[in-house]
């Protein structure tokens, strides 16, 4: 059932029906985890949020 809720939340977020926080809640994830899920699936994040900076060794 978890997968169905996640797919539904992703679909509703992508279509603009749910906000980021609503979709994360619907999916049963924290907002940070849901953002990671969106990024991994190549789904653009609509809301302006402060993403954690990734540090690269260099």
PDB file of N, CA and C in Angstrom:
ATOM      1  N   UNK A   1       0.825  -1.202   0.000  1.00  0.00           N
ATOM      2  CA  UNK A   1       0.000   0.000   0.000  1.00  0.00           C
ATOM      3  C   UNK A   1       0.865   1.261   0.000  1.00  0.00           C
ATOM      4  N   UNK A   2       2.046   1.168   0.617  1.00  0.00           N
ATOM      5  CA  UNK A   2       2.939   2.321   0.681  1.00  0.00           C
ATOM      6  C   UNK A   2       3.292   2.816  -0.719  1.00  0.00           C
ATOM      7  N   UNK A   3       3.586   1.892  -1.625  1.00  0.00           N
ATOM      8  CA  UNK A   3       3.964   2.272  -2.981  1.00  0.00           C
ATOM      9  C   UNK A   3       2.824   3.007  -3.675  1.00  0.00           C
ATOM     10  N   UNK A   4       1.608   2.534  -3.497  1.00  0.00           N
ATOM     11  CA  UNK A   4       0.451   3.184  -4.116  1.00  0.00           C
ATOM     12  C   UNK A   4       0.302   4.615  -3.594  1.00  0.00           C
ATOM     13  N   UNK A   5       0.464   4.799  -2.287  1.00  0.00           N
ATOM     14  CA  UNK A   5       0.347   6.142  -1.698  1.00  0.00           C
ATOM     15  C   UNK A   5       1.444   7.061  -2.236  1.00  0.00           C
ATOM     16  N   UNK A   6       2.653   6.528  -2.384  1.00  0.00           N
ATOM     17  CA  UNK A   6       3.762   7.332  -2.898  1.00  0.00           C
ATOM     18  C   UNK A   6       3.508   7.738  -4.344  1.00  0.00           C
ATOM     19  N   UNK A   7       3.130   6.790  -5.174  1.00  0.00           N
ATOM     20  CA  UNK A   7       2.867   7.086  -6.587  1.00  0.00           C
ATOM     21  C   UNK A   7       1.729   8.095  -6.718  1.00  0.00           C
ATOM     22  N   UNK A   8       0.691   7.928  -5.910  1.00  0.00           N
ATOM     23  CA  UNK A   8      -0.430   8.871  -5.935  1.00  0.00           C
ATOM     24  C   UNK A   8       0.038  10.263  -5.529  1.00  0.00           C
ATOM     25  N   UNK A   9       0.834  10.343  -4.469  1.00  0.00           N
ATOM     26  CA  UNK A   9       1.340  11.636  -4.003  1.00  0.00           C
ATOM     27  C   UNK A   9       2.219  12.293  -5.065  1.00  0.00           C
ATOM     28  N   UNK A  10       3.078  11.515  -5.706  1.00  0.00           N
ATOM     29  CA  UNK A  10       3.938  12.057  -6.765  1.00  0.00           C
ATOM     30  C   UNK A  10       3.101  12.588  -7.926  1.00  0.00           C
ATOM     31  N   UNK A  11       2.106  11.826  -8.313  1.00  0.00           N
ATOM     32  CA  UNK A  11       1.239  12.231  -9.424  1.00  0.00           C
ATOM     33  C   UNK A  11       0.467  13.504  -9.091  1.00  0.00           C
ATOM     34  N   UNK A  12      -0.102  13.546  -7.890  1.00  0.00           N
ATOM     35  CA  UNK A  12      -0.881  14.721  -7.494  1.00  0.00           C
ATOM     36  C   UNK A  12       0.005  15.950  -7.308  1.00  0.00           C
ATOM     37  N   UNK A  13       1.222  15.753  -6.822  1.00  0.00           N
ATOM     38  CA  UNK A  13       2.155  16.875  -6.690  1.00  0.00           C
ATOM     39  C   UNK A  13       2.543  17.390  -8.076  1.00  0.00           C
ATOM     40  N   UNK A  14       2.900  16.468  -8.954  1.00  0.00           N
ATOM     41  CA  UNK A  14       3.346  16.851 -10.295  1.00  0.00           C
ATOM     42  C   UNK A  14       2.249  17.581 -11.066  1.00  0.00           C
ATOM     43  N   UNK A  15       0.995  17.209 -10.838  1.00  0.00           N
ATOM     44  CA  UNK A  15      -0.115  17.854 -11.543  1.00  0.00           C
ATOM     45  C   UNK A  15      -0.516  19.186 -10.911  1.00  0.00           C
ATOM     46  N   UNK A  16       0.035  19.472  -9.724  1.00  0.00           N
ATOM     47  CA  UNK A  16      -0.283  20.731  -9.062  1.00  0.00           C
ATOM     48  C   UNK A  16      -1.474  20.641  -8.125  1.00  0.00           C
ATOM     49  N   UNK A  17      -2.003  19.444  -7.934  1.00  0.00           N
ATOM     50  CA  UNK A  17      -3.160  19.264  -7.061  1.00  0.00           C
ATOM     51  C   UNK A  17      -2.778  19.393  -5.589  1.00  0.00           C
ATOM     52  N   UNK A  18      -1.598  18.871  -5.223  1.00  0.00           N
ATOM     53  CA  UNK A  18      -1.116  18.947  -3.846  1.00  0.00           C
ATOM     54  C   UNK A  18       0.127  19.818  -3.762  1.00  0.00           C
ATOM     55  N   UNK A  19       0.285  20.489  -2.631  1.00  0.00           N
ATOM     56  CA  UNK A  19       1.527  21.214  -2.366  1.00  0.00           C
ATOM     57  C   UNK A  19       2.590  20.206  -1.950  1.00  0.00           C
ATOM     58  N   UNK A  20       3.801  20.680  -1.817  1.00  0.00           N
ATOM     59  CA  UNK A  20       4.901  19.817  -1.405  1.00  0.00           C
ATOM     60  C   UNK A  20       4.620  19.184  -0.044  1.00  0.00           C
ATOM     61  N   UNK A  21       4.209  19.987   0.921  1.00  0.00           N
ATOM     62  CA  UNK A  21       3.965  19.442   2.259  1.00  0.00           C
ATOM     63  C   UNK A  21       2.764  18.493   2.263  1.00  0.00           C
ATOM     64  N   UNK A  22       1.732  18.804   1.490  1.00  0.00           N
ATOM     65  CA  UNK A  22       0.573  17.913   1.405  1.00  0.00           C
ATOM     66  C   UNK A  22       0.955  16.574   0.778  1.00  0.00           C
ATOM     67  N   UNK A  23       1.736  16.629  -0.290  1.00  0.00           N
ATOM     68  CA  UNK A  23       2.139  15.404  -0.982  1.00  0.00           C
ATOM     69  C   UNK A  23       3.042  14.547  -0.095  1.00  0.00           C
ATOM     70  N   UNK A  24       3.963  15.180   0.613  1.00  0.00           N
ATOM     71  CA  UNK A  24       4.838  14.437   1.520  1.00  0.00           C
ATOM     72  C   UNK A  24       4.012  13.738   2.593  1.00  0.00           C
ATOM     73  N   UNK A  25       3.062  14.446   3.147  1.00  0.00           N
ATOM     74  CA  UNK A  25       2.193  13.871   4.166  1.00  0.00           C
ATOM     75  C   UNK A  25       1.381  12.711   3.594  1.00  0.00           C
ATOM     76  N   UNK A  26       0.842  12.891   2.410  1.00  0.00           N
ATOM     77  CA  UNK A  26       0.055  11.843   1.758  1.00  0.00           C
ATOM     78  C   UNK A  26       0.905  10.593   1.523  1.00  0.00           C
ATOM     79  N   UNK A  27       2.175  10.804   1.191  1.00  0.00           N
ATOM     80  CA  UNK A  27       3.084   9.687   0.923  1.00  0.00           C
ATOM     81  C   UNK A  27       3.612   9.054   2.207  1.00  0.00           C
ATOM     82  N   UNK A  28       3.373   9.712   3.341  1.00  0.00           N
ATOM     83  CA  UNK A  28       3.884   9.193   4.602  1.00  0.00           C
ATOM     84  C   UNK A  28       5.370   9.427   4.773  1.00  0.00           C
ATOM     85  N   UNK A  29       5.870  10.492   4.150  1.00  0.00           N
ATOM     86  CA  UNK A  29       7.294  10.818   4.213  1.00  0.00           C
ATOM     87  C   UNK A  29       7.477  12.203   4.817  1.00  0.00           C
ATOM     88  N   UNK A  30       8.678  12.442   5.329  1.00  0.00           N
ATOM     89  CA  UNK A  30       9.016  13.803   5.728  1.00  0.00           C
ATOM     90  C   UNK A  30       9.156  14.628   4.454  1.00  0.00           C
ATOM     91  N   UNK A  31       9.103  15.925   4.590  1.00  0.00           N
ATOM     92  CA  UNK A  31       9.244  16.790   3.422  1.00  0.00           C
ATOM     93  C   UNK A  31      10.620  16.608   2.786  1.00  0.00           C
ATOM     94  N   UNK A  32      11.668  16.482   3.604  1.00  0.00           N
ATOM     95  CA  UNK A  32      13.019  16.287   3.069  1.00  0.00           C
ATOM     96  C   UNK A  32      13.130  14.988   2.280  1.00  0.00           C
ATOM     97  N   UNK A  33      12.540  13.923   2.802  1.00  0.00           N
ATOM     98  CA  UNK A  33      12.576  12.636   2.102  1.00  0.00           C
ATOM     99  C   UNK A  33      11.793  12.711   0.804  1.00  0.00           C
ATOM    100  N   UNK A  34      10.656  13.396   0.830  1.00  0.00           N
ATOM    101  CA  UNK A  34       9.848  13.530  -0.381  1.00  0.00           C
ATOM    102  C   UNK A  34      10.595  14.340  -1.438  1.00  0.00           C
ATOM    103  N   UNK A  35      11.309  15.373  -1.021  1.00  0.00           N
ATOM    104  CA  UNK A  35      12.115  16.166  -1.956  1.00  0.00           C
ATOM    105  C   UNK A  35      13.168  15.283  -2.613  1.00  0.00           C
ATOM    106  N   UNK A  36      13.816  14.439  -1.824  1.00  0.00           N
ATOM    107  CA  UNK A  36      14.811  13.514  -2.368  1.00  0.00           C
ATOM    108  C   UNK A  36      14.159  12.573  -3.381  1.00  0.00           C
ATOM    109  N   UNK A  37      12.967  12.092  -3.063  1.00  0.00           N
ATOM    110  CA  UNK A  37      12.235  11.216  -3.985  1.00  0.00           C
ATOM    111  C   UNK A  37      11.933  11.944  -5.290  1.00  0.00           C
ATOM    112  N   UNK A  38      11.493  13.195  -5.193  1.00  0.00           N
ATOM    113  CA  UNK A  38      11.226  13.988  -6.396  1.00  0.00           C
ATOM    114  C   UNK A  38      12.489  14.138  -7.235  1.00  0.00           C
ATOM    115  N   UNK A  39      13.592  14.475  -6.589  1.00  0.00           N
ATOM    116  CA  UNK A  39      14.850  14.675  -7.303  1.00  0.00           C
ATOM    117  C   UNK A  39      15.304  13.395  -7.996  1.00  0.00           C
ATOM    118  N   UNK A  40      15.193  12.279  -7.317  1.00  0.00           N
ATOM    119  CA  UNK A  40      15.610  10.995  -7.904  1.00  0.00           C
ATOM    120  C   UNK A  40      14.762  10.611  -9.110  1.00  0.00           C
ATOM    121  N   UNK A  41      13.524  11.059  -9.117  1.00  0.00           N
ATOM    122  CA  UNK A  41      12.619  10.738 -10.227  1.00  0.00           C
ATOM    123  C   UNK A  41      12.586  11.835 -11.292  1.00  0.00           C
ATOM    124  N   UNK A  42      13.372  12.886 -11.088  1.00  0.00           N
ATOM    125  CA  UNK A  42      13.442  13.958 -12.079  1.00  0.00           C
ATOM    126  C   UNK A  42      12.206  14.831 -12.131  1.00  0.00           C
ATOM    127  N   UNK A  43      11.468  14.899 -11.025  1.00  0.00           N
ATOM    128  CA  UNK A  43      10.259  15.722 -10.965  1.00  0.00           C
ATOM    129  C   UNK A  43      10.642  17.093 -10.413  1.00  0.00           C
ATOM    130  N   UNK A  44      10.362  18.160 -11.150  1.00  0.00           N
ATOM    131  CA  UNK A  44      10.722  19.502 -10.680  1.00  0.00           C
ATOM    132  C   UNK A  44      10.004  19.869  -9.382  1.00  0.00           C
ATOM    133  N   UNK A  45      10.709  20.579  -8.528  1.00  0.00           N
ATOM    134  CA  UNK A  45      10.140  21.065  -7.272  1.00  0.00           C
ATOM    135  C   UNK A  45       9.574  22.448  -7.540  1.00  0.00           C
ATOM    136  N   UNK A  46       8.270  22.604  -7.311  1.00  0.00           N
ATOM    137  CA  UNK A  46       7.591  23.860  -7.635  1.00  0.00           C
ATOM    138  C   UNK A  46       7.808  24.941  -6.590  1.00  0.00           C
ATOM    139  N   UNK A  47       7.737  24.584  -5.328  1.00  0.00           N
ATOM    140  CA  UNK A  47       7.844  25.572  -4.266  1.00  0.00           C
ATOM    141  C   UNK A  47       9.290  26.022  -4.100  1.00  0.00           C
ATOM    142  N   UNK A  48       9.449  27.260  -3.658  1.00  0.00           N
ATOM    143  CA  UNK A  48      10.789  27.750  -3.354  1.00  0.00           C
ATOM    144  C   UNK A  48      11.185  27.200  -1.990  1.00  0.00           C
ATOM    145  N   UNK A  49      12.219  26.403  -1.985  1.00  0.00           N
ATOM    146  CA  UNK A  49      12.709  25.832  -0.735  1.00  0.00           C
ATOM    147  C   UNK A  49      14.219  25.971  -0.704  1.00  0.00           C
ATOM    148  N   UNK A  50      14.770  25.919   0.465  1.00  0.00           N
ATOM    149  CA  UNK A  50      16.219  25.938   0.609  1.00  0.00           C
ATOM    150  C   UNK A  50      16.716  24.508   0.656  1.00  0.00           C
ATOM    151  N   UNK A  51      17.298  24.072  -0.459  1.00  0.00           N
ATOM    152  CA  UNK A  51      17.838  22.725  -0.512  1.00  0.00           C
ATOM    153  C   UNK A  51      19.186  22.704   0.189  1.00  0.00           C
ATOM    154  N   UNK A  52      19.490  21.612   0.880  1.00  0.00           N
ATOM    155  CA  UNK A  52      20.804  21.522   1.521  1.00  0.00           C
ATOM    156  C   UNK A  52      21.901  21.552   0.470  1.00  0.00           C
ATOM    157  N   UNK A  53      22.961  22.253   0.772  1.00  0.00           N
ATOM    158  CA  UNK A  53      24.090  22.339  -0.143  1.00  0.00           C
ATOM    159  C   UNK A  53      24.859  21.032  -0.122  1.00  0.00           C
ATOM    160  N   UNK A  54      25.221  20.564  -1.298  1.00  0.00           N
ATOM    161  CA  UNK A  54      26.036  19.361  -1.383  1.00  0.00           C
ATOM    162  C   UNK A  54      27.484  19.792  -1.499  1.00  0.00           C
ATOM    163  N   UNK A  55      28.306  19.232  -0.650  1.00  0.00           N
ATOM    164  CA  UNK A  55      29.719  19.582  -0.643  1.00  0.00           C
ATOM    165  C   UNK A  55      30.492  18.538  -1.427  1.00  0.00           C
ATOM    166  N   UNK A  56      31.335  19.017  -2.311  1.00  0.00           N
ATOM    167  CA  UNK A  56      32.137  18.120  -3.128  1.00  0.00           C
ATOM    168  C   UNK A  56      33.588  18.231  -2.697  1.00  0.00           C
ATOM    169  N   UNK A  57      34.220  17.090  -2.539  1.00  0.00           N
ATOM    170  CA  UNK A  57      35.645  17.093  -2.196  1.00  0.00           C
ATOM    171  C   UNK A  57      36.414  17.597  -3.403  1.00  0.00           C
ATOM    172  N   UNK A  58      37.335  18.423  -3.145  1.00  0.00           N
ATOM    173  CA  UNK A  58      38.001  18.908  -4.323  1.00  0.00           C
ATOM    174  C   UNK A  58      39.227  19.595  -4.035  1.00  0.00           C
TER     175      UNK A  58
END
